[in-house]
Amino acid sequence: ERYSETHIRITIHDSGVGIPHEVQPRVFDPFFTTKDIGKGTGLGLSISYSIVRNHKGDLRFTSEPGQGATFVLTLPIQLSD
């Protein structure tokens, strides 16, 4: 959706188990994962966050355990000449 005259916002919601409160501060940290050893690298959200920030955007989330998670990606609109 067009968020403003200068930004677009994309909202993604899932109905999974949610993100426990105690790990929420670390979800964008490189190599942080709650998955079993060998099942994940812990780089997906970290890389996504870095890409968004490098494009002068923002990536945030809200989550309640048992109620899924909602990620909101906001990016500037870059109009070509």
N, C-alpha and C. Protein backbone atom coordinates (compact mmCIF):
# COMPACT_ATOMS: atom_id res chain seq x y z
N GLU A 1 0.83 -1.18 0.00
CA GLU A 1 0.00 0.00 0.00
C GLU A 1 0.88 1.25 0.00
N ARG A 2 0.41 2.29 -0.59
CA ARG A 2 1.14 3.54 -0.56
C ARG A 2 0.93 4.13 0.83
N TYR A 3 2.02 4.30 1.54
CA TYR A 3 1.98 4.73 2.93
C TYR A 3 1.89 6.25 3.03
N SER A 4 2.60 6.92 2.15
CA SER A 4 2.60 8.38 2.11
C SER A 4 3.00 8.79 0.70
N GLU A 5 3.20 10.05 0.49
CA GLU A 5 3.66 10.52 -0.82
C GLU A 5 5.06 10.05 -1.14
N THR A 6 5.82 9.68 -0.11
CA THR A 6 7.22 9.33 -0.32
C THR A 6 7.58 7.90 0.04
N HIS A 7 6.64 7.14 0.61
CA HIS A 7 6.96 5.79 1.07
C HIS A 7 5.85 4.78 0.73
N ILE A 8 6.27 3.54 0.61
CA ILE A 8 5.34 2.43 0.44
C ILE A 8 5.52 1.50 1.63
N ARG A 9 4.42 0.86 2.04
CA ARG A 9 4.48 -0.04 3.18
C ARG A 9 3.92 -1.40 2.78
N ILE A 10 4.65 -2.45 3.16
CA ILE A 10 4.22 -3.82 2.91
C ILE A 10 4.09 -4.50 4.27
N THR A 11 2.93 -5.09 4.52
CA THR A 11 2.67 -5.77 5.78
C THR A 11 2.48 -7.26 5.51
N ILE A 12 3.22 -8.07 6.26
CA ILE A 12 3.14 -9.52 6.12
C ILE A 12 2.78 -10.10 7.48
N HIS A 13 1.72 -10.89 7.51
CA HIS A 13 1.27 -11.49 8.77
C HIS A 13 1.19 -13.00 8.61
N ASP A 14 1.65 -13.71 9.61
CA ASP A 14 1.48 -15.16 9.59
C ASP A 14 0.68 -15.60 10.81
N SER A 15 0.21 -16.81 10.76
CA SER A 15 -0.59 -17.33 11.88
C SER A 15 0.15 -18.44 12.61
N GLY A 16 1.47 -18.33 12.65
CA GLY A 16 2.30 -19.34 13.31
C GLY A 16 2.28 -19.22 14.82
N VAL A 17 3.32 -19.76 15.43
CA VAL A 17 3.38 -19.82 16.90
C VAL A 17 3.78 -18.50 17.53
N GLY A 18 4.19 -17.54 16.72
CA GLY A 18 4.62 -16.25 17.26
C GLY A 18 6.07 -16.29 17.71
N ILE A 19 6.55 -15.16 18.13
CA ILE A 19 7.94 -15.02 18.57
C ILE A 19 7.93 -14.76 20.07
N PRO A 20 8.57 -15.63 20.84
CA PRO A 20 8.57 -15.43 22.29
C PRO A 20 9.14 -14.07 22.68
N HIS A 21 8.56 -13.45 23.67
CA HIS A 21 9.01 -12.11 24.10
C HIS A 21 10.49 -12.06 24.42
N GLU A 22 11.02 -13.13 25.02
CA GLU A 22 12.42 -13.09 25.45
C GLU A 22 13.42 -13.10 24.29
N VAL A 23 13.01 -13.52 23.10
CA VAL A 23 13.94 -13.51 21.96
C VAL A 23 13.68 -12.36 20.99
N GLN A 24 12.59 -11.65 21.16
CA GLN A 24 12.24 -10.57 20.24
C GLN A 24 13.34 -9.53 20.06
N PRO A 25 14.07 -9.13 21.11
CA PRO A 25 15.13 -8.13 20.90
C PRO A 25 16.27 -8.62 20.01
N ARG A 26 16.36 -9.92 19.76
CA ARG A 26 17.49 -10.47 19.01
C ARG A 26 17.14 -10.94 17.60
N VAL A 27 15.89 -10.83 17.17
CA VAL A 27 15.49 -11.47 15.91
C VAL A 27 16.26 -10.95 14.69
N PHE A 28 16.77 -9.74 14.72
CA PHE A 28 17.52 -9.20 13.59
C PHE A 28 19.04 -9.37 13.76
N ASP A 29 19.47 -10.00 14.86
CA ASP A 29 20.90 -10.22 15.10
C ASP A 29 21.44 -11.30 14.15
N PRO A 30 22.61 -11.07 13.57
CA PRO A 30 23.21 -12.10 12.71
C PRO A 30 23.47 -13.38 13.50
N PHE A 31 23.16 -14.50 12.88
CA PHE A 31 23.40 -15.84 13.41
C PHE A 31 22.51 -16.22 14.59
N PHE A 32 21.52 -15.40 14.90
CA PHE A 32 20.59 -15.76 15.96
C PHE A 32 19.48 -16.62 15.37
N THR A 33 19.25 -17.77 15.96
CA THR A 33 18.17 -18.64 15.52
C THR A 33 17.61 -19.40 16.72
N THR A 34 16.37 -19.75 16.64
CA THR A 34 15.75 -20.59 17.66
C THR A 34 15.60 -22.03 17.13
N LYS A 35 16.05 -22.23 15.90
CA LYS A 35 15.95 -23.56 15.29
C LYS A 35 17.05 -24.47 15.83
N ASP A 36 16.83 -25.76 15.69
CA ASP A 36 17.82 -26.75 16.10
C ASP A 36 19.10 -26.59 15.29
N ILE A 37 20.21 -27.02 15.83
CA ILE A 37 21.50 -26.97 15.15
C ILE A 37 21.39 -27.68 13.81
N GLY A 38 21.88 -27.02 12.77
CA GLY A 38 21.83 -27.58 11.42
C GLY A 38 20.54 -27.30 10.68
N LYS A 39 19.59 -26.65 11.31
CA LYS A 39 18.28 -26.37 10.68
C LYS A 39 18.13 -24.93 10.23
N GLY A 40 19.06 -24.08 10.56
CA GLY A 40 18.97 -22.68 10.14
C GLY A 40 20.25 -21.95 10.48
N THR A 41 20.54 -20.92 9.71
CA THR A 41 21.78 -20.17 9.94
C THR A 41 21.57 -18.93 10.80
N GLY A 42 20.33 -18.48 10.92
CA GLY A 42 20.08 -17.26 11.67
C GLY A 42 20.48 -16.01 10.90
N LEU A 43 20.48 -16.10 9.58
CA LEU A 43 20.88 -14.95 8.77
C LEU A 43 19.73 -14.31 8.00
N GLY A 44 18.62 -15.00 7.85
CA GLY A 44 17.53 -14.49 7.01
C GLY A 44 17.03 -13.11 7.40
N LEU A 45 16.62 -12.94 8.64
CA LEU A 45 16.09 -11.65 9.07
C LEU A 45 17.19 -10.60 9.18
N SER A 46 18.39 -11.02 9.55
CA SER A 46 19.51 -10.10 9.64
C SER A 46 19.85 -9.51 8.26
N ILE A 47 19.92 -10.37 7.26
CA ILE A 47 20.21 -9.91 5.90
C ILE A 47 19.07 -9.04 5.39
N SER A 48 17.84 -9.45 5.62
CA SER A 48 16.68 -8.65 5.19
C SER A 48 16.72 -7.27 5.81
N TYR A 49 16.99 -7.21 7.10
CA TYR A 49 17.06 -5.94 7.81
C TYR A 49 18.15 -5.04 7.21
N SER A 50 19.32 -5.62 6.94
CA SER A 50 20.43 -4.85 6.36
C SER A 50 20.07 -4.31 4.98
N ILE A 51 19.45 -5.13 4.16
CA ILE A 51 19.05 -4.67 2.81
C ILE A 51 18.07 -3.52 2.91
N VAL A 52 17.08 -3.67 3.76
CA VAL A 52 16.06 -2.61 3.92
C VAL A 52 16.71 -1.33 4.42
N ARG A 53 17.57 -1.42 5.42
CA ARG A 53 18.23 -0.23 5.97
C ARG A 53 19.14 0.42 4.93
N ASN A 54 19.83 -0.38 4.11
CA ASN A 54 20.69 0.17 3.06
C ASN A 54 19.90 0.92 2.00
N HIS A 55 18.61 0.62 1.89
CA HIS A 55 17.74 1.34 0.96
C HIS A 55 16.94 2.43 1.67
N LYS A 56 17.41 2.80 2.85
CA LYS A 56 16.81 3.87 3.66
C LYS A 56 15.36 3.56 4.06
N GLY A 57 15.11 2.27 4.29
CA GLY A 57 13.80 1.84 4.72
C GLY A 57 13.81 1.39 6.16
N ASP A 58 12.71 0.77 6.57
CA ASP A 58 12.55 0.32 7.94
C ASP A 58 11.86 -1.04 7.94
N LEU A 59 12.26 -1.91 8.84
CA LEU A 59 11.64 -3.22 9.00
C LEU A 59 11.39 -3.42 10.48
N ARG A 60 10.12 -3.62 10.83
CA ARG A 60 9.72 -3.81 12.22
C ARG A 60 8.77 -4.98 12.32
N PHE A 61 8.54 -5.43 13.52
CA PHE A 61 7.59 -6.52 13.71
C PHE A 61 6.88 -6.39 15.04
N THR A 62 5.74 -7.04 15.11
CA THR A 62 5.03 -7.24 16.37
C THR A 62 4.66 -8.71 16.43
N SER A 63 4.62 -9.25 17.62
CA SER A 63 4.28 -10.65 17.76
C SER A 63 3.84 -10.94 19.17
N GLU A 64 2.86 -11.78 19.26
CA GLU A 64 2.42 -12.32 20.54
C GLU A 64 2.49 -13.83 20.44
N PRO A 65 3.13 -14.48 21.40
CA PRO A 65 3.20 -15.94 21.35
C PRO A 65 1.81 -16.56 21.17
N GLY A 66 1.75 -17.51 20.25
CA GLY A 66 0.49 -18.18 19.95
C GLY A 66 -0.39 -17.45 18.97
N GLN A 67 0.02 -16.25 18.54
CA GLN A 67 -0.83 -15.45 17.65
C GLN A 67 -0.11 -15.01 16.38
N GLY A 68 0.99 -15.63 16.06
CA GLY A 68 1.70 -15.29 14.83
C GLY A 68 2.53 -14.03 14.97
N ALA A 69 2.98 -13.54 13.84
CA ALA A 69 3.82 -12.34 13.80
C ALA A 69 3.41 -11.48 12.62
N THR A 70 3.62 -10.19 12.77
CA THR A 70 3.37 -9.24 11.69
C THR A 70 4.63 -8.44 11.47
N PHE A 71 5.15 -8.48 10.23
CA PHE A 71 6.31 -7.71 9.84
C PHE A 71 5.86 -6.59 8.93
N VAL A 72 6.38 -5.39 9.17
CA VAL A 72 6.02 -4.21 8.38
C VAL A 72 7.30 -3.66 7.76
N LEU A 73 7.32 -3.62 6.45
CA LEU A 73 8.45 -3.13 5.67
C LEU A 73 8.04 -1.80 5.07
N THR A 74 8.82 -0.76 5.33
CA THR A 74 8.56 0.56 4.77
C THR A 74 9.77 0.97 3.95
N LEU A 75 9.51 1.35 2.70
CA LEU A 75 10.58 1.76 1.79
C LEU A 75 10.24 3.08 1.13
N PRO A 76 11.25 3.89 0.87
CA PRO A 76 11.00 5.14 0.15
C PRO A 76 10.65 4.83 -1.32
N ILE A 77 9.78 5.63 -1.86
CA ILE A 77 9.44 5.52 -3.28
C ILE A 77 10.48 6.29 -4.06
N GLN A 78 11.09 5.61 -5.01
CA GLN A 78 12.10 6.28 -5.82
C GLN A 78 11.55 6.40 -7.24
N LEU A 79 11.16 7.59 -7.58
CA LEU A 79 10.60 7.85 -8.89
C LEU A 79 11.71 8.11 -9.90
N SER A 80 11.59 7.49 -11.05
CA SER A 80 12.60 7.72 -12.07
C SER A 80 12.26 8.99 -12.85
N ASP A 81 13.30 9.61 -13.39
CA ASP A 81 13.09 10.85 -14.15
C ASP A 81 12.59 10.57 -15.55
